[in-house]
Amino acid sequence: MPSHESKNCPRCQVNFECKTGTITECQCSNVFLTESERNYVSELYDDCLCVDCLMELQTEFSILNHDRKIQQFLQH
């Protein structure tokens, strides 16, 4: 029997259903994160997040990464 669990997002506190037993049907499978993005999220949170927060953190990572590259460019 698939394992489904009701969770609260640790970032925004929204309730969502985590479907670890059928991961292809889980809400998080709709967000495609690079390895760097996954590492960024896992440094901040130890548990599942809702789709909205995953997408917001993906954007946040992109902005931080872009800013970092600009700073490196300006220092050369």
N, C-alpha and C. Protein backbone atom coordinates (compact mmCIF):
# COMPACT_ATOMS: atom_id res chain seq x y z
N MET A 1 0.84 -1.18 0.00
CA MET A 1 0.00 0.00 0.00
C MET A 1 0.88 1.25 0.00
N PRO A 2 0.62 2.21 -0.88
CA PRO A 2 1.44 3.41 -0.96
C PRO A 2 1.40 4.20 0.34
N SER A 3 2.54 4.81 0.63
CA SER A 3 2.65 5.63 1.83
C SER A 3 2.37 7.09 1.49
N HIS A 4 1.29 7.62 2.06
CA HIS A 4 0.95 9.03 1.91
C HIS A 4 0.90 9.63 3.29
N GLU A 5 1.37 10.86 3.38
CA GLU A 5 1.45 11.49 4.69
C GLU A 5 1.03 12.95 4.58
N SER A 6 0.21 13.39 5.50
CA SER A 6 -0.16 14.80 5.56
C SER A 6 0.95 15.54 6.29
N LYS A 7 1.46 16.61 5.66
CA LYS A 7 2.57 17.36 6.24
C LYS A 7 2.27 18.84 6.20
N ASN A 8 2.95 19.57 7.06
CA ASN A 8 2.95 21.03 7.01
C ASN A 8 4.29 21.46 6.46
N CYS A 9 4.27 22.33 5.50
CA CYS A 9 5.51 22.84 4.92
C CYS A 9 6.27 23.59 6.02
N PRO A 10 7.54 23.25 6.25
CA PRO A 10 8.30 23.92 7.30
C PRO A 10 8.61 25.40 6.98
N ARG A 11 8.43 25.78 5.75
CA ARG A 11 8.71 27.16 5.34
C ARG A 11 7.49 28.06 5.45
N CYS A 12 6.33 27.61 4.98
CA CYS A 12 5.13 28.46 4.94
C CYS A 12 3.98 27.93 5.80
N GLN A 13 4.13 26.73 6.32
CA GLN A 13 3.13 26.08 7.19
C GLN A 13 1.87 25.60 6.47
N VAL A 14 1.83 25.62 5.14
CA VAL A 14 0.70 25.10 4.39
C VAL A 14 0.67 23.58 4.51
N ASN A 15 -0.52 23.03 4.64
CA ASN A 15 -0.68 21.59 4.71
C ASN A 15 -0.72 21.02 3.29
N PHE A 16 0.00 19.90 3.09
CA PHE A 16 -0.01 19.22 1.79
C PHE A 16 0.16 17.73 2.02
N GLU A 17 -0.14 16.96 0.98
CA GLU A 17 0.00 15.51 1.08
C GLU A 17 1.30 15.08 0.42
N CYS A 18 2.15 14.45 1.20
CA CYS A 18 3.42 13.89 0.71
C CYS A 18 3.15 12.45 0.31
N LYS A 19 3.51 12.11 -0.92
CA LYS A 19 3.23 10.75 -1.42
C LYS A 19 4.54 9.99 -1.68
N THR A 20 5.28 9.76 -0.61
CA THR A 20 6.55 9.06 -0.76
C THR A 20 6.39 7.66 -1.32
N GLY A 21 5.24 7.06 -1.10
CA GLY A 21 5.00 5.70 -1.61
C GLY A 21 4.77 5.66 -3.11
N THR A 22 4.32 6.77 -3.68
CA THR A 22 4.13 6.89 -5.14
C THR A 22 4.70 8.25 -5.56
N ILE A 23 6.00 8.34 -5.52
CA ILE A 23 6.70 9.60 -5.71
C ILE A 23 6.36 10.28 -7.04
N THR A 24 6.02 9.52 -8.06
CA THR A 24 5.66 10.13 -9.34
C THR A 24 4.34 10.90 -9.27
N GLU A 25 3.53 10.62 -8.24
CA GLU A 25 2.27 11.33 -8.05
C GLU A 25 2.40 12.43 -6.98
N CYS A 26 3.56 12.53 -6.37
CA CYS A 26 3.75 13.51 -5.30
C CYS A 26 3.85 14.91 -5.91
N GLN A 27 3.36 15.89 -5.18
CA GLN A 27 3.36 17.27 -5.64
C GLN A 27 4.78 17.76 -5.95
N CYS A 28 5.78 17.28 -5.25
CA CYS A 28 7.15 17.75 -5.47
C CYS A 28 7.74 17.26 -6.79
N SER A 29 7.18 16.21 -7.36
CA SER A 29 7.73 15.69 -8.61
C SER A 29 7.46 16.64 -9.79
N ASN A 30 6.68 17.68 -9.56
CA ASN A 30 6.40 18.67 -10.61
C ASN A 30 7.42 19.80 -10.64
N VAL A 31 8.35 19.79 -9.70
CA VAL A 31 9.39 20.81 -9.64
C VAL A 31 10.71 20.13 -9.96
N PHE A 32 11.37 20.58 -11.00
CA PHE A 32 12.61 19.97 -11.44
C PHE A 32 13.79 20.81 -10.97
N LEU A 33 14.48 20.30 -9.95
CA LEU A 33 15.61 21.01 -9.36
C LEU A 33 16.92 20.41 -9.83
N THR A 34 17.89 21.28 -10.09
CA THR A 34 19.24 20.80 -10.39
C THR A 34 19.86 20.28 -9.10
N GLU A 35 20.98 19.63 -9.21
CA GLU A 35 21.67 19.14 -8.02
C GLU A 35 22.06 20.30 -7.11
N SER A 36 22.52 21.40 -7.68
CA SER A 36 22.88 22.58 -6.89
C SER A 36 21.67 23.16 -6.17
N GLU A 37 20.54 23.19 -6.85
CA GLU A 37 19.31 23.69 -6.23
C GLU A 37 18.86 22.78 -5.10
N ARG A 38 18.94 21.47 -5.33
CA ARG A 38 18.57 20.51 -4.28
C ARG A 38 19.47 20.67 -3.06
N ASN A 39 20.77 20.87 -3.30
CA ASN A 39 21.71 21.08 -2.19
C ASN A 39 21.36 22.34 -1.41
N TYR A 40 21.01 23.40 -2.12
CA TYR A 40 20.62 24.65 -1.49
C TYR A 40 19.40 24.45 -0.59
N VAL A 41 18.38 23.79 -1.11
CA VAL A 41 17.17 23.54 -0.34
C VAL A 41 17.47 22.67 0.87
N SER A 42 18.27 21.63 0.68
CA SER A 42 18.56 20.71 1.79
C SER A 42 19.43 21.35 2.87
N GLU A 43 20.18 22.38 2.52
CA GLU A 43 20.93 23.12 3.54
C GLU A 43 20.01 23.94 4.43
N LEU A 44 18.87 24.33 3.89
CA LEU A 44 17.93 25.17 4.63
C LEU A 44 16.85 24.38 5.36
N TYR A 45 16.44 23.24 4.79
CA TYR A 45 15.31 22.47 5.34
C TYR A 45 15.62 20.98 5.34
N ASP A 46 15.13 20.31 6.36
CA ASP A 46 15.36 18.87 6.51
C ASP A 46 14.17 18.02 6.10
N ASP A 47 13.05 18.67 5.75
CA ASP A 47 11.84 17.91 5.46
C ASP A 47 11.24 18.38 4.13
N CYS A 48 10.19 17.72 3.71
CA CYS A 48 9.51 18.07 2.47
C CYS A 48 8.93 19.48 2.54
N LEU A 49 8.90 20.13 1.39
CA LEU A 49 8.30 21.45 1.27
C LEU A 49 7.18 21.40 0.24
N CYS A 50 6.27 22.36 0.32
CA CYS A 50 5.19 22.42 -0.67
C CYS A 50 5.75 22.89 -2.01
N VAL A 51 4.99 22.70 -3.06
CA VAL A 51 5.42 23.07 -4.41
C VAL A 51 5.74 24.55 -4.51
N ASP A 52 4.90 25.39 -3.94
CA ASP A 52 5.13 26.83 -4.03
C ASP A 52 6.46 27.22 -3.41
N CYS A 53 6.77 26.66 -2.25
CA CYS A 53 8.04 26.98 -1.61
C CYS A 53 9.23 26.42 -2.38
N LEU A 54 9.08 25.24 -2.94
CA LEU A 54 10.16 24.69 -3.76
C LEU A 54 10.46 25.61 -4.95
N MET A 55 9.42 26.10 -5.59
CA MET A 55 9.62 26.98 -6.74
C MET A 55 10.20 28.33 -6.30
N GLU A 56 9.77 28.84 -5.15
CA GLU A 56 10.31 30.09 -4.65
C GLU A 56 11.79 29.94 -4.28
N LEU A 57 12.15 28.82 -3.68
CA LEU A 57 13.55 28.59 -3.33
C LEU A 57 14.40 28.37 -4.58
N GLN A 58 13.82 27.78 -5.59
CA GLN A 58 14.53 27.62 -6.86
C GLN A 58 14.85 28.99 -7.45
N THR A 59 13.88 29.88 -7.41
CA THR A 59 14.09 31.26 -7.90
C THR A 59 15.11 31.99 -7.03
N GLU A 60 14.97 31.84 -5.73
CA GLU A 60 15.90 32.48 -4.79
C GLU A 60 17.33 32.02 -5.06
N PHE A 61 17.52 30.73 -5.26
CA PHE A 61 18.84 30.20 -5.56
C PHE A 61 19.38 30.79 -6.85
N SER A 62 18.54 30.88 -7.85
CA SER A 62 18.94 31.44 -9.14
C SER A 62 19.41 32.88 -8.98
N ILE A 63 18.67 33.66 -8.22
CA ILE A 63 19.03 35.07 -7.99
C ILE A 63 20.34 35.16 -7.23
N LEU A 64 20.49 34.36 -6.18
CA LEU A 64 21.73 34.37 -5.40
C LEU A 64 22.92 33.96 -6.25
N ASN A 65 22.72 32.96 -7.06
CA ASN A 65 23.79 32.47 -7.94
C ASN A 65 24.16 33.53 -8.97
N HIS A 66 23.17 34.19 -9.51
CA HIS A 66 23.40 35.26 -10.48
C HIS A 66 24.16 36.41 -9.82
N ASP A 67 23.73 36.82 -8.63
CA ASP A 67 24.40 37.89 -7.90
C ASP A 67 25.85 37.53 -7.58
N ARG A 68 26.07 36.28 -7.22
CA ARG A 68 27.43 35.80 -6.92
C ARG A 68 28.31 35.92 -8.17
N LYS A 69 27.79 35.54 -9.31
CA LYS A 69 28.55 35.63 -10.56
C LYS A 69 28.87 37.08 -10.92
N ILE A 70 27.92 37.97 -10.69
CA ILE A 70 28.16 39.38 -10.97
C ILE A 70 29.26 39.92 -10.06
N GLN A 71 29.21 39.55 -8.78
CA GLN A 71 30.24 40.00 -7.85
C GLN A 71 31.61 39.49 -8.24
N GLN A 72 31.68 38.25 -8.66
CA GLN A 72 32.95 37.68 -9.11
C GLN A 72 33.46 38.42 -10.34
N PHE A 73 32.57 38.73 -11.26
CA PHE A 73 32.95 39.44 -12.47
C PHE A 73 33.47 40.84 -12.13
N LEU A 74 32.82 41.51 -11.22
CA LEU A 74 33.21 42.87 -10.84
C LEU A 74 34.53 42.91 -10.10
N GLN A 75 34.88 41.83 -9.45
CA GLN A 75 36.14 41.78 -8.71
C GLN A 75 37.34 41.51 -9.61
N HIS A 76 37.12 41.15 -10.84
CA HIS A 76 38.22 40.86 -11.76
C HIS A 76 38.55 42.02 -12.63
